[in-house]
């Protein structure tokens, strides 16, 4: 696996991990549990920086997953507001 492919895979794994973290947090909130969101802003910032550093044209592949991540974040926000 070349460096560019490895970089894309690592960035996608980070995106998927953050998505999973948000989904778990939302599920916990919906179940009436308290959640600690400390560190999510740093994770999001590192993900954005990684995507910004991808080779030209590579970031386009992340458009749909980022939209899905945004939807998950919106779902968490809504759950927190309703709690």
C-alpha atoms as a PDB file:
ATOM      1  CA  UNK A   1       0.000   0.000   0.000  1.00  0.00           C
ATOM      2  CA  UNK A   2       1.512   3.339  -1.015  1.00  0.00           C
ATOM      3  CA  UNK A   3       1.655   6.386   1.268  1.00  0.00           C
ATOM      4  CA  UNK A   4      -1.244   8.219  -0.412  1.00  0.00           C
ATOM      5  CA  UNK A   5      -3.546   5.204  -0.125  1.00  0.00           C
ATOM      6  CA  UNK A   6      -2.543   4.722   3.502  1.00  0.00           C
ATOM      7  CA  UNK A   7      -3.212   8.404   4.231  1.00  0.00           C
ATOM      8  CA  UNK A   8      -6.687   8.162   2.671  1.00  0.00           C
ATOM      9  CA  UNK A   9      -7.469   5.008   4.635  1.00  0.00           C
ATOM     10  CA  UNK A  10      -6.298   6.553   7.913  1.00  0.00           C
ATOM     11  CA  UNK A  11      -8.352   9.685   7.302  1.00  0.00           C
ATOM     12  CA  UNK A  12     -11.433   7.625   6.502  1.00  0.00           C
ATOM     13  CA  UNK A  13     -10.891   5.550   9.643  1.00  0.00           C
ATOM     14  CA  UNK A  14     -10.689   8.741  11.719  1.00  0.00           C
ATOM     15  CA  UNK A  15     -13.907  10.003  10.143  1.00  0.00           C
ATOM     16  CA  UNK A  16     -15.677   6.706  10.794  1.00  0.00           C
ATOM     17  CA  UNK A  17     -14.422   6.677  14.389  1.00  0.00           C
ATOM     18  CA  UNK A  18     -15.738  10.179  15.050  1.00  0.00           C
ATOM     19  CA  UNK A  19     -19.071   9.237  13.475  1.00  0.00           C
ATOM     20  CA  UNK A  20     -19.279   6.219  15.779  1.00  0.00           C
ATOM     21  CA  UNK A  21     -18.432   8.315  18.822  1.00  0.00           C
ATOM     22  CA  UNK A  22     -21.212  10.771  17.985  1.00  0.00           C
ATOM     23  CA  UNK A  23     -23.705   7.956  17.408  1.00  0.00           C
ATOM     24  CA  UNK A  24     -22.878   6.370  20.770  1.00  0.00           C
ATOM     25  CA  UNK A  25     -23.128   9.745  22.515  1.00  0.00           C
ATOM     26  CA  UNK A  26     -26.532  10.366  20.947  1.00  0.00           C
ATOM     27  CA  UNK A  27     -27.763   6.919  21.965  1.00  0.00           C
ATOM     28  CA  UNK A  28     -26.618   7.517  25.539  1.00  0.00           C
ATOM     29  CA  UNK A  29     -28.334  10.906  25.671  1.00  0.00           C
ATOM     30  CA  UNK A  30     -31.541   9.399  24.300  1.00  0.00           C
ATOM     31  CA  UNK A  31     -31.328   6.751  27.039  1.00  0.00           C
ATOM     32  CA  UNK A  32     -31.141   9.491  29.654  1.00  0.00           C
ATOM     33  CA  UNK A  33     -27.445   9.128  30.386  1.00  0.00           C
ATOM     34  CA  UNK A  34     -24.981  11.961  30.785  1.00  0.00           C
ATOM     35  CA  UNK A  35     -22.157  12.178  28.286  1.00  0.00           C
ATOM     36  CA  UNK A  36     -18.770  13.867  28.379  1.00  0.00           C
ATOM     37  CA  UNK A  37     -18.125  15.569  25.065  1.00  0.00           C
ATOM     38  CA  UNK A  38     -14.691  16.868  26.016  1.00  0.00           C
ATOM     39  CA  UNK A  39     -12.238  16.230  23.233  1.00  0.00           C
ATOM     40  CA  UNK A  40     -14.729  16.057  20.372  1.00  0.00           C
ATOM     41  CA  UNK A  41     -13.752  19.510  19.153  1.00  0.00           C
ATOM     42  CA  UNK A  42     -10.115  18.422  19.009  1.00  0.00           C
ATOM     43  CA  UNK A  43     -11.017  15.236  17.142  1.00  0.00           C
ATOM     44  CA  UNK A  44     -13.061  17.241  14.646  1.00  0.00           C
ATOM     45  CA  UNK A  45     -10.248  19.743  14.197  1.00  0.00           C
ATOM     46  CA  UNK A  46      -7.684  17.017  13.545  1.00  0.00           C
ATOM     47  CA  UNK A  47     -10.029  15.368  11.043  1.00  0.00           C
ATOM     48  CA  UNK A  48     -10.502  18.658   9.193  1.00  0.00           C
ATOM     49  CA  UNK A  49      -6.746  19.245   9.151  1.00  0.00           C
ATOM     50  CA  UNK A  50      -6.131  15.731   7.796  1.00  0.00           C
ATOM     51  CA  UNK A  51      -8.681  16.236   5.026  1.00  0.00           C
ATOM     52  CA  UNK A  52      -7.188  19.627   4.160  1.00  0.00           C
ATOM     53  CA  UNK A  53      -3.769  17.976   3.742  1.00  0.00           C
ATOM     54  CA  UNK A  54      -4.953  15.262   1.363  1.00  0.00           C
ATOM     55  CA  UNK A  55      -3.634  15.256  -2.196  1.00  0.00           C
ATOM     56  CA  UNK A  56      -5.609  17.427  -4.641  1.00  0.00           C
ATOM     57  CA  UNK A  57      -8.845  15.795  -5.684  1.00  0.00           C
ATOM     58  CA  UNK A  58      -8.805  13.244  -2.876  1.00  0.00           C
ATOM     59  CA  UNK A  59     -10.987  15.200  -0.485  1.00  0.00           C
ATOM     60  CA  UNK A  60     -13.997  14.939  -2.802  1.00  0.00           C
ATOM     61  CA  UNK A  61     -14.393  11.302  -1.755  1.00  0.00           C
ATOM     62  CA  UNK A  62     -15.099  12.523   1.766  1.00  0.00           C
ATOM     63  CA  UNK A  63     -18.042  14.768   0.853  1.00  0.00           C
ATOM     64  CA  UNK A  64     -20.826  12.260   1.539  1.00  0.00           C
ATOM     65  CA  UNK A  65     -19.243  10.829   4.699  1.00  0.00           C
ATOM     66  CA  UNK A  66     -18.782  14.383   6.012  1.00  0.00           C
ATOM     67  CA  UNK A  67     -22.422  15.170   5.287  1.00  0.00           C
ATOM     68  CA  UNK A  68     -23.383  12.016   7.181  1.00  0.00           C
ATOM     69  CA  UNK A  69     -21.120  13.086  10.052  1.00  0.00           C
ATOM     70  CA  UNK A  70     -22.831  16.477  10.094  1.00  0.00           C
ATOM     71  CA  UNK A  71     -26.237  14.775  10.238  1.00  0.00           C
ATOM     72  CA  UNK A  72     -25.081  12.652  13.185  1.00  0.00           C
ATOM     73  CA  UNK A  73     -23.826  15.776  14.947  1.00  0.00           C
ATOM     74  CA  UNK A  74     -27.175  17.466  14.324  1.00  0.00           C
ATOM     75  CA  UNK A  75     -28.906  14.420  15.801  1.00  0.00           C
ATOM     76  CA  UNK A  76     -26.730  14.633  18.910  1.00  0.00           C
ATOM     77  CA  UNK A  77     -27.456  18.347  19.249  1.00  0.00           C
ATOM     78  CA  UNK A  78     -31.186  17.701  18.993  1.00  0.00           C
ATOM     79  CA  UNK A  79     -30.999  14.924  21.580  1.00  0.00           C
ATOM     80  CA  UNK A  80     -29.064  17.164  23.965  1.00  0.00           C
ATOM     81  CA  UNK A  81     -31.567  19.985  23.517  1.00  0.00           C
ATOM     82  CA  UNK A  82     -34.463  17.632  24.218  1.00  0.00           C
ATOM     83  CA  UNK A  83     -32.801  16.127  27.321  1.00  0.00           C
END
